[in-house]
Protein backbone atom coordinates (compact mmCIF):
# COMPACT_ATOMS: atom_id res chain seq x y z
CA MET A 1 -0.04 0.04 0.10
CA SER A 2 1.22 3.51 -0.87
CA THR A 3 0.93 6.84 0.83
CA VAL A 4 0.30 10.36 -0.25
CA THR A 5 1.51 13.45 1.88
CA VAL A 6 -1.39 15.56 2.98
CA VAL A 7 -1.48 18.92 5.11
CA ASP A 8 -2.27 17.57 8.79
CA HIS A 9 -4.94 20.06 9.77
CA GLU A 10 -5.46 18.55 13.08
CA ARG A 11 -1.96 19.91 14.25
CA ILE A 12 -2.42 23.48 13.04
CA GLY A 13 -3.08 25.63 16.05
CA LYS A 14 -1.54 23.04 18.22
CA LYS A 15 1.94 23.55 19.96
CA GLY A 16 4.65 24.50 17.47
CA PHE A 17 2.30 25.31 14.50
CA PRO A 18 0.53 28.72 14.34
CA MET A 19 -3.12 29.00 14.15
CA HIS A 20 -2.94 30.95 10.80
CA PRO A 21 -0.06 29.44 8.93
CA GLU A 22 -0.95 31.52 5.84
CA ALA A 23 0.39 34.40 7.87
CA TYR A 24 3.79 32.83 7.82
CA PRO A 25 4.60 32.12 4.03
CA ASP A 26 8.02 30.75 4.69
CA TYR A 27 6.28 28.45 7.55
CA ALA A 28 6.04 24.61 6.64
CA LEU A 29 2.75 23.35 7.21
CA PRO A 30 2.42 20.06 9.33
CA THR A 31 1.82 17.10 7.20
CA LYS A 32 1.06 13.35 7.49
CA GLU A 33 1.04 10.37 5.40
CA VAL A 34 -2.42 9.09 4.39
CA PRO A 35 -2.44 5.31 2.97
CA VAL A 36 -3.89 4.71 -0.30
CA GLU A 37 -4.00 1.50 -2.48
CA GLU A 38 -2.19 1.28 -5.66
CA HIS A 39 -3.88 -0.02 -8.75
CA GLU A 40 -2.59 -2.47 -11.52
CA GLY A 41 -1.16 0.11 -13.81
CA GLY A 42 1.11 1.69 -10.90
CA GLY A 43 0.54 5.08 -9.33
CA ILE A 44 -2.26 6.18 -7.48
CA PRO A 45 -5.48 6.84 -9.37
CA GLU A 46 -7.52 9.99 -8.10
CA THR A 47 -10.75 8.05 -8.09
CA GLU A 48 -9.28 5.94 -5.02
CA LEU A 49 -8.42 8.98 -2.90
CA THR A 50 -11.06 10.11 -0.32
CA PRO A 51 -12.67 13.50 -0.95
CA GLU A 52 -10.65 14.79 1.96
CA GLN A 53 -7.55 13.57 0.26
CA ARG A 54 -8.34 15.35 -3.07
CA ARG A 55 -9.20 18.53 -1.38
CA ALA A 56 -5.92 18.55 0.56
CA LEU A 57 -4.25 18.37 -3.00
CA MET A 58 -6.09 21.21 -4.53
CA PRO A 59 -3.72 23.95 -5.22
CA PRO A 60 -4.44 27.33 -3.41
CA ILE A 61 -6.52 30.04 -5.13
CA SER A 62 -5.87 33.95 -5.17
CA LYS A 63 -8.48 36.27 -3.71
CA ARG A 64 -9.41 37.56 -7.31
CA GLN A 65 -10.23 33.91 -8.46
CA LEU A 66 -12.37 33.12 -5.06
CA ARG A 67 -14.54 36.13 -5.70
CA LEU A 68 -14.92 35.99 -9.32
CA THR A 69 -16.04 32.45 -8.89
CA LEU A 70 -18.50 33.24 -5.83
CA VAL A 71 -20.12 36.15 -7.95
CA ARG A 72 -20.33 33.78 -11.12
CA ASN A 73 -22.12 31.18 -8.94
CA GLY A 74 -24.75 33.59 -7.78
CA ILE A 75 -23.11 34.71 -4.25
CA SER A 76 -23.08 38.36 -3.82
CA LEU A 77 -20.16 40.02 -2.31
CA SER A 78 -22.40 41.77 0.26
CA ASP A 79 -23.52 38.33 1.46
CA LEU A 80 -19.74 37.04 1.53
CA ASP A 81 -18.86 40.11 3.85
CA ALA A 82 -21.86 39.73 5.87
CA ALA A 83 -20.93 36.00 6.70
CA ILE A 84 -17.36 36.99 7.40
CA LEU A 85 -18.32 40.05 9.53
CA ALA A 86 -20.74 37.87 11.48
CA MET A 87 -17.48 35.73 12.48
CA GLY A 88 -15.81 38.54 14.29
CA ASP A 89 -12.75 40.76 13.82
CA GLU A 90 -10.12 37.97 13.43
CA ALA A 91 -12.16 36.35 10.78
CA VAL A 92 -12.38 39.58 9.24
CA ILE A 93 -8.50 40.29 9.22
CA GLU A 94 -7.80 36.66 8.25
CA TRP A 95 -10.10 36.79 5.12
CA GLN A 96 -9.31 40.43 3.83
CA ASP A 97 -5.31 40.20 4.45
CA ALA A 98 -5.09 36.60 2.90
CA SER A 99 -3.01 36.75 -0.20
CA GLU A 100 -4.19 33.28 -1.30
CA TYR A 101 -6.92 30.88 0.04
CA ARG A 102 -6.40 27.13 0.63
CA ARG A 103 -9.22 24.47 0.15
CA LEU A 104 -9.09 22.96 3.61
CA HIS A 105 -8.57 26.14 5.55
CA PRO A 106 -11.16 26.27 8.53
CA LEU A 107 -12.24 29.72 7.95
CA LEU A 108 -13.00 29.06 4.25
CA ASN A 109 -15.12 26.01 5.44
CA GLN A 110 -17.04 28.20 7.87
CA VAL A 111 -17.64 30.84 5.52
CA ALA A 112 -18.96 28.03 3.11
CA ALA A 113 -21.27 26.66 5.75
CA HIS A 114 -22.63 30.17 6.63
CA LEU A 115 -23.44 30.56 2.77
CA SER A 116 -25.05 27.12 2.95
CA LEU A 117 -22.72 25.78 0.40
CA THR A 118 -21.82 21.95 0.86
CA GLN A 119 -18.30 20.58 0.70
CA GLU A 120 -19.14 19.27 -2.90
CA GLN A 121 -20.38 22.55 -3.96
CA VAL A 122 -17.07 24.28 -2.83
CA ASP A 123 -15.07 21.36 -4.58
CA VAL A 124 -16.81 22.33 -7.84
CA MET A 125 -16.31 26.00 -7.29
CA TRP A 126 -12.61 25.56 -6.41
CA GLN A 127 -12.14 23.72 -9.83
CA GLN A 128 -14.02 26.73 -11.64
CA ALA A 129 -11.78 29.12 -9.80
CA LEU A 130 -8.57 27.48 -10.78
CA SER A 131 -9.27 28.60 -14.49
CA ALA A 132 -10.60 32.08 -13.53
């Protein structure tokens, strides 16, 4: 059985790892090895990865890509701002000052939940954002 390296989100915010790692661009995120089964042709087919593993492998997107994709999917910027404001000052700073967004960042998932978006809807929009 092979493994794939993914970000260990459970360790972020714990001793030795900052709560907001995107504020430290040179800081290495904690990682862990996740087992995946190989198939006959060699390598690891994406279809055998769990949704969480696929999300961990998604590249970050820019603020521009994120905002364009939300608007193109019918989510107004005023609704987005209201969702973030409702989470408090730290969330506002975190959101507004980020230069890029990571798929599994806890704040992104809180905003998605506040906007009534499922993880699957966010996955689809993330793929759209990569080409925006």
